N, C-alpha and C. Protein backbone atom coordinates (compact mmCIF):
# COMPACT_ATOMS: atom_id res chain seq x y z
N MET A 1 92.25 52.95 106.93
CA MET A 1 91.45 53.71 105.70
C MET A 1 91.29 52.77 104.76
N ASP A 2 89.95 52.88 104.23
CA ASP A 2 89.67 51.64 103.32
C ASP A 2 90.61 52.02 101.95
N GLU A 3 90.11 52.02 100.87
CA GLU A 3 90.72 50.94 99.21
C GLU A 3 90.20 52.76 99.24
N ARG A 4 88.84 52.69 98.58
CA ARG A 4 88.96 54.24 98.00
C ARG A 4 88.81 55.51 99.02
N THR A 5 89.37 55.18 99.99
CA THR A 5 89.34 56.46 100.66
C THR A 5 91.09 56.71 100.39
N GLU A 6 91.85 55.80 100.53
CA GLU A 6 92.81 55.85 100.53
C GLU A 6 93.76 56.36 98.88
N ARG A 7 92.26 55.73 97.71
CA ARG A 7 92.87 56.49 96.49
C ARG A 7 92.11 57.85 96.30
N VAL A 8 91.21 58.36 97.37
CA VAL A 8 90.97 60.00 96.88
C VAL A 8 92.51 60.81 97.77
N ARG A 9 92.62 59.96 98.45
CA ARG A 9 93.67 60.97 99.65
C ARG A 9 95.56 60.93 98.60
N ARG A 10 95.56 60.07 97.82
CA ARG A 10 95.92 59.78 96.96
C ARG A 10 96.75 60.61 95.60
N MET A 11 95.39 61.03 95.22
CA MET A 11 94.54 61.35 94.70
C MET A 11 94.46 63.10 94.26
N TYR A 12 93.39 63.69 95.94
CA TYR A 12 94.37 65.01 96.08
C TYR A 12 95.76 64.95 96.42
N ASP A 13 96.94 64.21 97.26
CA ASP A 13 98.02 64.43 97.14
C ASP A 13 99.10 64.84 96.05
N ARG A 14 98.70 63.65 94.94
CA ARG A 14 99.09 64.29 93.20
C ARG A 14 98.65 65.67 92.52
N ALA A 15 97.30 66.10 93.63
CA ALA A 15 97.27 67.69 92.92
C ALA A 15 97.57 68.79 93.37
N SER A 16 97.58 68.59 94.86
CA SER A 16 97.64 69.75 95.73
C SER A 16 99.03 70.60 95.10
N GLY A 17 99.62 70.62 94.14
CA GLY A 17 100.72 71.28 93.50
C GLY A 17 100.13 72.45 93.27
N GLY A 18 98.72 72.18 92.11
CA GLY A 18 98.62 73.27 91.04
C GLY A 18 97.57 73.06 91.20
N TYR A 19 96.61 72.64 92.56
CA TYR A 19 94.88 72.68 93.14
C TYR A 19 94.26 74.22 93.04
N ASP A 20 95.19 75.21 93.17
CA ASP A 20 94.44 76.58 93.49
C ASP A 20 94.48 77.11 92.21
N ARG A 21 95.03 76.62 90.92
CA ARG A 21 95.03 77.92 90.14
C ARG A 21 93.64 77.01 88.99
N GLY A 22 92.45 76.22 89.89
CA GLY A 22 91.69 76.50 89.41
C GLY A 22 90.35 77.52 90.10
N GLU A 23 91.50 78.40 91.13
CA GLU A 23 90.51 78.48 92.61
C GLU A 23 89.54 80.05 91.46
N ARG A 24 90.21 80.63 90.82
CA ARG A 24 89.19 81.89 89.33
C ARG A 24 88.69 80.86 88.56
N LEU A 25 88.13 79.88 88.26
CA LEU A 25 87.08 79.50 87.78
C LEU A 25 85.94 79.03 89.01
N GLN A 26 86.42 78.28 90.01
CA GLN A 26 85.53 77.94 90.79
C GLN A 26 84.71 79.43 91.07
N ARG A 27 85.72 80.39 91.38
CA ARG A 27 84.60 81.26 91.90
C ARG A 27 83.52 81.66 90.84
N PHE A 28 84.09 81.41 89.59
CA PHE A 28 83.50 82.09 88.50
C PHE A 28 81.95 81.22 88.78
N VAL A 29 81.81 79.67 89.01
CA VAL A 29 80.75 78.91 88.98
C VAL A 29 80.34 79.08 90.54
N ILE A 30 80.73 78.64 91.48
CA ILE A 30 79.94 79.05 92.90
C ILE A 30 79.65 80.98 93.45
N GLY A 31 80.23 81.72 92.53
CA GLY A 31 79.96 82.90 92.77
C GLY A 31 80.45 83.20 94.12
N ASP A 32 79.39 83.47 95.45
CA ASP A 32 79.86 84.62 96.43
C ASP A 32 79.20 83.17 97.22
N ALA A 33 79.34 82.13 97.12
CA ALA A 33 79.10 80.36 98.53
C ALA A 33 79.91 80.95 99.07
N ARG A 34 81.05 81.01 98.88
CA ARG A 34 82.76 80.90 100.14
C ARG A 34 81.89 81.77 101.19
N PRO A 35 81.73 82.78 100.65
CA PRO A 35 81.94 84.05 101.77
C PRO A 35 80.51 83.84 101.79
N ARG A 36 79.33 83.80 101.98
CA ARG A 36 78.32 84.05 102.24
C ARG A 36 77.99 82.72 102.98
N LEU A 37 78.35 81.51 102.89
CA LEU A 37 78.20 80.33 103.75
C LEU A 37 79.16 81.02 105.29
N CYS A 38 80.60 81.15 105.32
CA CYS A 38 81.89 81.22 105.82
C CYS A 38 81.24 82.24 107.05
N GLY A 39 80.85 83.12 105.87
CA GLY A 39 80.32 84.46 106.74
C GLY A 39 79.07 84.50 108.53
N ARG A 40 78.47 83.31 107.90
CA ARG A 40 77.45 82.82 108.79
C ARG A 40 78.02 82.14 110.11
N ALA A 41 79.40 81.58 109.71
CA ALA A 41 80.32 80.61 110.49
C ALA A 41 80.43 80.96 111.85
N GLU A 42 80.42 80.28 113.32
CA GLU A 42 80.29 81.16 114.32
C GLU A 42 80.64 80.18 115.62
N GLY A 43 81.84 80.41 116.57
CA GLY A 43 82.04 80.33 117.58
C GLY A 43 83.11 79.04 117.11
N ARG A 44 83.08 77.94 117.67
CA ARG A 44 84.31 76.57 118.01
C ARG A 44 83.93 76.14 115.91
N VAL A 45 84.57 76.67 115.35
CA VAL A 45 84.59 75.44 113.59
C VAL A 45 85.27 74.82 113.07
N LEU A 46 84.61 73.93 112.91
CA LEU A 46 85.12 72.72 111.86
C LEU A 46 85.24 72.98 110.39
N GLU A 47 85.74 72.98 109.94
CA GLU A 47 85.97 72.94 108.63
C GLU A 47 86.70 71.12 108.08
N VAL A 48 85.50 70.93 107.40
CA VAL A 48 85.88 69.45 107.13
C VAL A 48 86.03 69.83 105.58
N ALA A 49 87.48 68.97 105.41
CA ALA A 49 88.30 68.79 104.08
C ALA A 49 88.66 69.93 103.45
N VAL A 50 89.38 70.82 104.29
CA VAL A 50 89.98 72.33 104.59
C VAL A 50 90.29 72.27 103.07
N GLY A 51 91.56 71.70 102.29
CA GLY A 51 92.04 71.35 101.09
C GLY A 51 93.20 72.59 101.31
N THR A 52 93.19 73.06 100.43
CA THR A 52 94.09 74.42 100.50
C THR A 52 93.97 75.31 101.36
N GLY A 53 93.22 75.59 102.05
CA GLY A 53 92.29 76.92 102.96
C GLY A 53 91.79 77.58 101.80
N GLN A 54 91.06 77.51 100.96
CA GLN A 54 90.55 78.47 100.27
C GLN A 54 89.51 79.36 100.90
N ASN A 55 88.92 78.58 102.09
CA ASN A 55 87.93 80.03 102.59
C ASN A 55 88.91 80.39 103.42
N LEU A 56 90.02 79.85 104.01
CA LEU A 56 90.36 80.60 105.36
C LEU A 56 90.09 82.32 105.39
N GLY A 57 90.45 82.98 104.66
CA GLY A 57 89.72 84.44 104.52
C GLY A 57 88.61 84.85 104.22
N HIS A 58 87.56 83.90 104.11
CA HIS A 58 86.33 83.79 104.41
C HIS A 58 85.80 84.11 105.74
N TYR A 59 86.20 83.37 106.58
CA TYR A 59 85.60 83.48 108.35
C TYR A 59 85.69 85.03 108.55
N PRO A 60 84.60 84.88 109.94
CA PRO A 60 83.91 85.72 110.42
C PRO A 60 85.44 86.14 111.54
N PRO A 61 85.74 87.02 112.01
CA PRO A 61 86.76 87.64 113.08
C PRO A 61 86.22 86.87 114.50
N GLY A 62 87.03 85.62 115.13
CA GLY A 62 86.40 85.43 116.60
C GLY A 62 85.90 84.29 116.11
N VAL A 63 86.09 83.58 115.25
CA VAL A 63 85.56 81.86 115.13
C VAL A 63 87.30 81.61 115.37
N GLU A 64 86.82 80.52 115.98
CA GLU A 64 87.83 79.59 116.32
C GLU A 64 87.78 78.45 115.75
N LEU A 65 88.84 78.70 114.42
CA LEU A 65 88.64 77.18 113.17
C LEU A 65 90.32 75.73 113.83
N THR A 66 89.53 74.73 113.53
CA THR A 66 90.30 73.65 112.87
C THR A 66 89.72 73.43 111.52
N GLY A 67 90.58 73.18 110.94
CA GLY A 67 90.62 72.33 109.20
C GLY A 67 90.66 71.09 109.58
N VAL A 68 89.93 70.27 109.08
CA VAL A 68 91.16 68.63 108.98
C VAL A 68 90.79 68.50 107.74
N ASP A 69 91.79 67.50 107.18
CA ASP A 69 92.23 67.37 105.38
C ASP A 69 92.40 65.99 105.28
N LEU A 70 91.97 65.32 104.64
CA LEU A 70 93.05 63.85 103.95
C LEU A 70 94.48 63.96 104.20
N SER A 71 94.20 65.30 102.63
CA SER A 71 95.82 65.01 102.59
C SER A 71 96.71 65.76 102.53
N PRO A 72 98.01 65.22 102.82
CA PRO A 72 98.96 66.19 103.48
C PRO A 72 99.68 67.13 102.83
N GLY A 73 99.66 67.22 101.61
CA GLY A 73 100.21 68.07 100.26
C GLY A 73 98.77 68.84 100.56
N MET A 74 98.09 68.81 100.56
CA MET A 74 96.82 70.07 100.67
C MET A 74 97.15 70.45 102.00
N LEU A 75 97.29 70.02 102.99
CA LEU A 75 96.97 70.67 104.35
C LEU A 75 98.47 71.37 104.72
N ALA A 76 99.38 71.04 103.60
CA ALA A 76 100.78 71.93 103.53
C ALA A 76 100.69 73.30 102.66
N ARG A 77 99.48 73.18 101.63
CA ARG A 77 99.51 74.98 101.26
C ARG A 77 98.37 75.30 101.88
N ALA A 78 97.34 74.84 102.88
CA ALA A 78 96.57 75.72 103.88
C ALA A 78 97.53 76.29 105.21
N ARG A 79 98.46 75.43 105.43
CA ARG A 79 99.26 75.83 106.45
C ARG A 79 99.87 77.37 105.59
N ALA A 80 100.20 77.37 104.65
CA ALA A 80 101.15 78.32 103.89
C ALA A 80 99.82 79.71 103.68
N ARG A 81 99.12 79.23 103.10
CA ARG A 81 97.93 80.08 103.33
C ARG A 81 97.67 80.82 104.63
N ALA A 82 96.97 80.32 105.46
CA ALA A 82 97.04 80.73 106.59
C ALA A 82 98.16 81.37 107.13
N ALA A 83 99.54 81.07 107.40
CA ALA A 83 100.06 82.02 107.94
C ALA A 83 100.13 83.38 106.86
N GLY A 84 99.98 82.95 105.91
CA GLY A 84 99.92 84.73 104.29
C GLY A 84 99.01 85.32 105.32
N LEU A 85 98.19 84.81 105.55
CA LEU A 85 96.83 85.70 105.82
C LEU A 85 96.99 86.61 107.59
N GLY A 86 98.11 85.64 107.86
CA GLY A 86 98.19 85.70 109.67
C GLY A 86 97.05 84.90 110.79
N LEU A 87 96.33 84.53 110.51
CA LEU A 87 95.54 83.39 110.83
C LEU A 87 95.67 82.31 111.83
N ARG A 88 95.73 82.12 112.65
CA ARG A 88 95.31 80.91 113.67
C ARG A 88 94.46 80.10 113.61
N ALA A 89 94.94 78.92 113.09
CA ALA A 89 93.89 77.75 112.83
C ALA A 89 94.79 76.36 113.47
N GLU A 90 93.87 75.61 113.86
CA GLU A 90 94.32 74.56 113.82
C GLU A 90 94.40 73.65 112.67
N LEU A 91 95.40 72.75 111.67
CA LEU A 91 94.65 72.50 110.49
C LEU A 91 95.54 71.13 111.08
N VAL A 92 94.54 69.85 110.78
CA VAL A 92 95.14 68.43 111.27
C VAL A 92 94.82 67.70 110.47
N GLU A 93 95.39 66.47 110.20
CA GLU A 93 95.48 65.50 108.93
C GLU A 93 93.79 64.79 109.53
N GLY A 94 93.02 63.79 109.02
CA GLY A 94 92.02 63.08 108.87
C GLY A 94 91.29 63.33 108.42
N ASP A 95 90.66 61.46 108.34
CA ASP A 95 88.93 61.54 107.46
C ASP A 95 88.26 61.98 107.50
N ALA A 96 87.14 62.80 107.22
CA ALA A 96 85.64 63.14 106.58
C ALA A 96 84.69 62.03 107.77
N GLN A 97 85.32 60.68 107.68
CA GLN A 97 84.54 59.96 107.72
C GLN A 97 84.49 59.11 109.27
N GLU A 98 85.67 59.51 109.82
CA GLU A 98 86.06 59.28 111.22
C GLU A 98 86.49 60.56 111.64
N LEU A 99 85.87 61.16 112.21
CA LEU A 99 86.48 62.41 112.73
C LEU A 99 87.10 62.21 113.85
N ALA A 100 88.79 62.95 114.49
CA ALA A 100 89.20 62.19 115.78
C ALA A 100 88.97 63.37 116.72
N PHE A 101 87.34 63.82 116.94
CA PHE A 101 87.55 64.99 117.89
C PHE A 101 86.27 64.48 118.63
N ALA A 102 86.46 65.33 119.92
CA ALA A 102 84.90 65.04 120.55
C ALA A 102 83.65 65.07 120.28
N ASP A 103 82.44 64.51 120.72
CA ASP A 103 80.92 64.35 120.80
C ASP A 103 80.90 66.27 121.01
N GLY A 104 80.29 66.94 120.00
CA GLY A 104 79.68 68.11 120.65
C GLY A 104 80.42 69.36 120.63
N ALA A 105 81.63 69.06 120.19
CA ALA A 105 82.89 70.17 120.02
C ALA A 105 83.01 71.21 119.25
N PHE A 106 82.10 71.36 118.48
CA PHE A 106 82.22 72.53 117.33
C PHE A 106 80.37 73.08 117.35
N ASP A 107 80.53 74.12 117.20
CA ASP A 107 79.38 75.10 117.06
C ASP A 107 79.09 75.58 115.45
N THR A 108 79.91 75.32 114.72
CA THR A 108 79.77 75.05 113.27
C THR A 108 80.38 74.39 112.47
N VAL A 109 80.02 73.65 111.46
CA VAL A 109 81.32 72.62 110.43
C VAL A 109 80.71 73.02 109.36
N LEU A 110 81.29 73.09 108.35
CA LEU A 110 81.37 73.75 107.20
C LEU A 110 82.11 72.41 106.43
N CYS A 111 81.40 72.27 104.92
CA CYS A 111 82.16 71.52 104.23
C CYS A 111 81.97 72.16 102.73
N ALA A 112 83.33 72.46 102.25
CA ALA A 112 83.01 73.04 100.46
C ALA A 112 83.20 72.34 99.47
N LEU A 113 82.36 71.93 99.20
CA LEU A 113 83.05 71.20 97.60
C LEU A 113 83.83 70.20 97.69
N ALA A 114 83.33 69.05 98.69
CA ALA A 114 84.35 67.83 98.66
C ALA A 114 83.03 66.64 99.44
N LEU A 115 81.91 67.45 99.92
CA LEU A 115 81.51 66.22 100.18
C LEU A 115 81.74 65.33 99.04
N CYS A 116 81.24 65.28 98.18
CA CYS A 116 81.16 64.34 96.54
C CYS A 116 82.28 63.87 96.11
N THR A 117 83.69 63.45 97.00
CA THR A 117 84.62 63.48 96.40
C THR A 117 85.00 61.79 97.85
N ILE A 118 83.86 62.70 99.16
CA ILE A 118 84.19 61.97 100.23
C ILE A 118 83.40 59.93 99.64
N PRO A 119 83.94 59.00 100.04
CA PRO A 119 82.99 57.48 99.74
C PRO A 119 82.19 57.12 100.09
N ASP A 120 81.56 58.09 101.32
CA ASP A 120 80.94 57.83 102.34
C ASP A 120 79.99 58.92 102.81
N GLN A 121 79.40 59.59 102.06
CA GLN A 121 78.81 60.66 102.55
C GLN A 121 78.08 60.68 104.01
N ARG A 122 77.39 59.45 103.63
CA ARG A 122 76.06 59.45 104.77
C ARG A 122 76.78 59.46 105.86
N ARG A 123 78.03 58.52 106.05
CA ARG A 123 79.24 58.22 107.32
C ARG A 123 79.44 59.62 107.53
N ALA A 124 80.37 60.85 106.67
CA ALA A 124 81.04 61.30 107.05
C ALA A 124 79.81 62.84 107.39
N LEU A 125 78.49 62.69 106.99
CA LEU A 125 77.89 63.54 107.50
C LEU A 125 76.90 63.29 108.82
N GLY A 126 76.87 61.78 109.25
CA GLY A 126 77.13 61.75 110.78
C GLY A 126 77.63 62.09 111.67
N GLU A 127 79.23 61.62 111.50
CA GLU A 127 80.29 62.45 112.13
C GLU A 127 80.52 64.14 112.01
N MET A 128 80.11 64.68 111.10
CA MET A 128 79.84 66.05 111.03
C MET A 128 78.59 66.21 111.70
N ARG A 129 77.78 65.40 112.14
CA ARG A 129 76.53 65.57 113.17
C ARG A 129 77.02 65.18 114.45
N ARG A 130 77.86 64.48 114.54
CA ARG A 130 78.23 64.09 115.99
C ARG A 130 78.81 64.73 116.73
N VAL A 131 79.79 65.27 115.99
CA VAL A 131 80.75 66.69 116.73
C VAL A 131 80.57 67.98 116.96
N LEU A 132 78.93 68.24 116.31
CA LEU A 132 78.44 69.33 116.34
C LEU A 132 77.35 69.03 117.67
N ARG A 133 77.54 70.33 118.46
CA ARG A 133 76.47 70.82 119.50
C ARG A 133 75.12 70.77 119.32
N PRO A 134 74.24 70.62 119.96
CA PRO A 134 73.22 70.34 119.92
C PRO A 134 72.22 71.38 119.56
N GLY A 135 71.56 71.95 118.72
CA GLY A 135 71.10 73.15 117.65
C GLY A 135 72.14 73.47 116.75
N GLY A 136 74.09 73.18 117.10
CA GLY A 136 74.78 73.51 115.95
C GLY A 136 74.70 73.72 114.50
N LEU A 137 75.43 74.69 113.96
CA LEU A 137 75.57 75.13 112.42
C LEU A 137 76.13 73.97 111.50
N LEU A 138 75.20 73.34 110.07
CA LEU A 138 75.86 72.84 109.17
C LEU A 138 75.68 74.30 107.97
N LEU A 139 77.28 74.17 107.58
CA LEU A 139 77.12 74.18 106.31
C LEU A 139 77.88 73.96 104.86
N LEU A 140 77.37 73.59 103.95
CA LEU A 140 77.19 72.69 103.21
C LEU A 140 76.99 73.61 101.58
N VAL A 141 78.22 73.74 100.70
CA VAL A 141 77.66 73.75 99.55
C VAL A 141 78.73 72.64 98.54
N ASP A 142 78.51 71.55 97.55
CA ASP A 142 78.73 71.51 97.14
C ASP A 142 77.87 71.16 95.80
N HIS A 143 78.93 70.05 94.46
CA HIS A 143 78.33 69.96 93.41
C HIS A 143 77.50 68.36 93.09
N ILE A 144 76.25 68.46 92.66
CA ILE A 144 75.54 67.46 92.42
C ILE A 144 74.95 66.67 91.25
N GLU A 145 74.82 65.71 91.04
CA GLU A 145 74.94 65.27 89.94
C GLU A 145 73.33 66.29 88.91
N TYR A 146 73.67 66.21 88.15
CA TYR A 146 72.78 67.06 86.86
C TYR A 146 71.88 65.90 86.25
N THR A 147 70.60 66.39 86.09
CA THR A 147 69.64 65.47 85.99
C THR A 147 68.83 66.06 84.94
N ARG A 148 68.90 67.17 84.07
CA ARG A 148 68.10 67.19 83.19
C ARG A 148 69.37 67.09 81.42
N TRP A 149 68.19 67.15 81.10
CA TRP A 149 68.58 66.78 79.58
C TRP A 149 69.37 68.05 78.64
N PRO A 150 70.59 67.98 78.11
CA PRO A 150 71.30 67.03 78.12
C PRO A 150 71.99 66.83 78.91
N LEU A 151 72.51 66.78 79.29
CA LEU A 151 74.05 66.68 80.70
C LEU A 151 73.37 65.88 81.85
N ARG A 152 72.26 64.82 81.43
CA ARG A 152 71.65 63.89 82.66
C ARG A 152 73.24 62.72 82.55
N VAL A 153 73.02 61.80 83.71
CA VAL A 153 73.71 61.31 83.77
C VAL A 153 73.69 59.97 83.55
N ARG A 154 74.17 58.86 82.69
CA ARG A 154 73.73 58.11 82.63
C ARG A 154 74.42 56.77 82.99
N GLU A 155 73.85 55.53 83.41
CA GLU A 155 74.92 54.24 83.63
C GLU A 155 74.07 53.03 83.44
N ALA A 156 74.88 52.80 82.45
CA ALA A 156 74.61 51.05 81.63
C ALA A 156 73.22 51.40 81.37
N GLY A 157 73.56 52.75 81.14
CA GLY A 157 71.48 52.71 79.86
C GLY A 157 70.52 53.53 81.22
N LYS A 158 70.35 53.40 82.21
CA LYS A 158 70.25 53.85 83.52
C LYS A 158 70.14 55.40 83.82
N GLU A 159 69.34 55.97 84.26
CA GLU A 159 69.63 57.45 84.97
C GLU A 159 70.38 57.01 86.26
N ARG A 160 71.54 57.48 86.56
CA ARG A 160 71.24 57.57 88.34
C ARG A 160 70.84 58.34 89.08
N PRO A 161 70.77 58.14 90.78
CA PRO A 161 69.47 58.97 91.39
C PRO A 161 70.35 60.29 91.59
N ARG A 162 69.50 61.44 92.29
CA ARG A 162 70.25 62.51 92.23
C ARG A 162 70.76 62.14 93.65
N ARG A 163 72.20 62.48 94.22
CA ARG A 163 72.98 62.93 95.47
C ARG A 163 72.48 64.43 95.71
N LEU A 164 71.54 64.52 96.73
CA LEU A 164 71.73 65.48 97.18
C LEU A 164 72.21 66.14 98.51
N PRO A 165 72.88 66.77 98.46
CA PRO A 165 73.75 66.91 100.15
C PRO A 165 72.19 66.92 101.22
N ARG A 166 71.83 68.13 100.74
CA ARG A 166 70.24 67.99 102.01
C ARG A 166 69.50 67.29 102.52
N THR A 167 69.22 66.12 101.19
CA THR A 167 68.42 64.97 102.25
C THR A 167 69.62 64.38 102.65
N VAL A 168 70.24 63.88 102.36
CA VAL A 168 71.40 63.21 103.10
C VAL A 168 71.79 63.72 103.67
N ALA A 169 71.51 64.88 104.37
CA ALA A 169 71.50 65.68 105.76
C ALA A 169 70.47 65.59 106.72
N GLU A 170 69.61 65.73 106.44
CA GLU A 170 68.51 65.44 107.10
C GLU A 170 68.36 64.08 107.33
N GLU A 171 68.48 62.80 106.56
CA GLU A 171 68.58 61.29 107.44
C GLU A 171 69.19 60.93 107.96
N VAL A 172 70.26 62.41 108.68
CA VAL A 172 71.37 61.49 109.22
C VAL A 172 70.67 62.99 111.09
N GLY A 173 69.53 63.41 110.37
CA GLY A 173 69.37 64.18 111.72
C GLY A 173 69.47 65.32 111.59
N PHE A 174 69.80 66.55 110.62
CA PHE A 174 69.63 67.88 110.64
C PHE A 174 68.95 68.31 109.90
N GLY A 175 67.98 69.55 110.36
CA GLY A 175 67.30 70.37 110.22
C GLY A 175 67.36 71.27 109.26
N VAL A 176 67.03 70.81 107.75
CA VAL A 176 67.24 71.94 106.62
C VAL A 176 66.69 72.85 107.25
N GLU A 177 67.27 74.18 107.27
CA GLU A 177 66.67 75.58 107.30
C GLU A 177 66.69 76.68 105.87
N GLU A 178 67.81 76.82 105.24
CA GLU A 178 67.81 76.41 103.62
C GLU A 178 68.46 75.57 102.68
N HIS A 179 68.43 76.00 101.17
CA HIS A 179 68.86 75.78 100.59
C HIS A 179 68.89 76.43 99.61
N GLY A 180 69.89 76.28 98.30
CA GLY A 180 69.73 76.65 96.83
C GLY A 180 70.98 75.66 96.24
N ARG A 181 70.71 76.58 94.52
CA ARG A 181 71.78 76.38 93.75
C ARG A 181 72.11 77.50 92.77
N THR A 182 72.76 77.20 92.17
CA THR A 182 74.16 77.97 91.71
C THR A 182 74.55 76.99 90.40
N ALA A 183 74.97 78.29 89.53
CA ALA A 183 75.71 77.22 88.54
C ALA A 183 75.03 76.87 88.06
N LEU A 184 73.70 76.61 87.26
CA LEU A 184 72.62 76.02 86.25
C LEU A 184 72.10 74.86 86.95
N GLY A 185 72.42 75.12 88.22
CA GLY A 185 71.63 73.80 89.07
C GLY A 185 72.75 72.52 89.18
N PHE A 186 73.79 72.80 89.10
CA PHE A 186 75.14 72.07 89.53
C PHE A 186 75.24 71.64 90.62
N VAL A 187 75.25 73.43 91.79
CA VAL A 187 75.71 72.71 92.86
C VAL A 187 75.11 73.98 94.48
N GLU A 188 74.95 72.92 95.29
CA GLU A 188 73.48 72.88 96.52
C GLU A 188 74.29 73.88 97.55
N HIS A 189 73.65 75.03 97.85
CA HIS A 189 74.45 74.82 99.59
C HIS A 189 72.87 75.06 100.18
N VAL A 190 73.34 74.48 101.46
CA VAL A 190 72.67 74.21 102.26
C VAL A 190 73.07 74.63 103.92
N VAL A 191 72.09 75.41 104.30
CA VAL A 191 72.27 75.62 105.93
C VAL A 191 71.54 75.03 106.90
N ALA A 192 71.49 74.02 108.15
CA ALA A 192 71.31 73.24 108.98
C ALA A 192 71.46 72.89 110.07
N ARG A 193 70.25 72.37 111.03
CA ARG A 193 71.22 72.88 112.03
C ARG A 193 71.06 71.68 112.40
N ARG A 194 71.77 71.01 113.87
CA ARG A 194 71.69 69.53 114.28
C ARG A 194 70.98 69.30 114.88
N THR A 195 69.97 68.75 115.25
CA THR A 195 68.66 68.37 116.14
C THR A 195 68.72 67.45 116.54
N GLY A 196 68.23 67.57 117.82
CA GLY A 196 68.13 66.22 119.28
C GLY A 196 69.20 66.22 119.60
């Protein structure tokens, strides 16, 4: 694990105890994105960066759920939530940039509000593609950099380029079927399929 990834792990381990306090605010900001995307999951499902398990109650019955997260602290919360919901889910520690699953092992991969914290998003999306079967479903919802005045991000006098999850997904071999924005344009949701 590289230093940037280790730093993210430590940050989420420290935050795990109080992370769910922001759940109500997240629901206000992203609306029904979680239940809408999770409700589309089918078959063998991998949730990348499962965190404290905020999505666990939104999956349809009959899916076979595996969740992976970098932080042991976040996973402990997710396991407690799964137990409280009476859900059977395999929740394992792992790095989104190096998924420990076989090629084509899943029918659906979901990543919610976490891609923006993964150091190498392109590599992580490449791994998500690898573990999906051909034609498998990718479901994303994530923060993006805002580019309109007055909230546009500047770095050393220059505007930073927009980071759009759908663009990176297309670059690694997904066909985007739909996308949209919520939260005044700060959050993008993407539904895509693995091509090839």
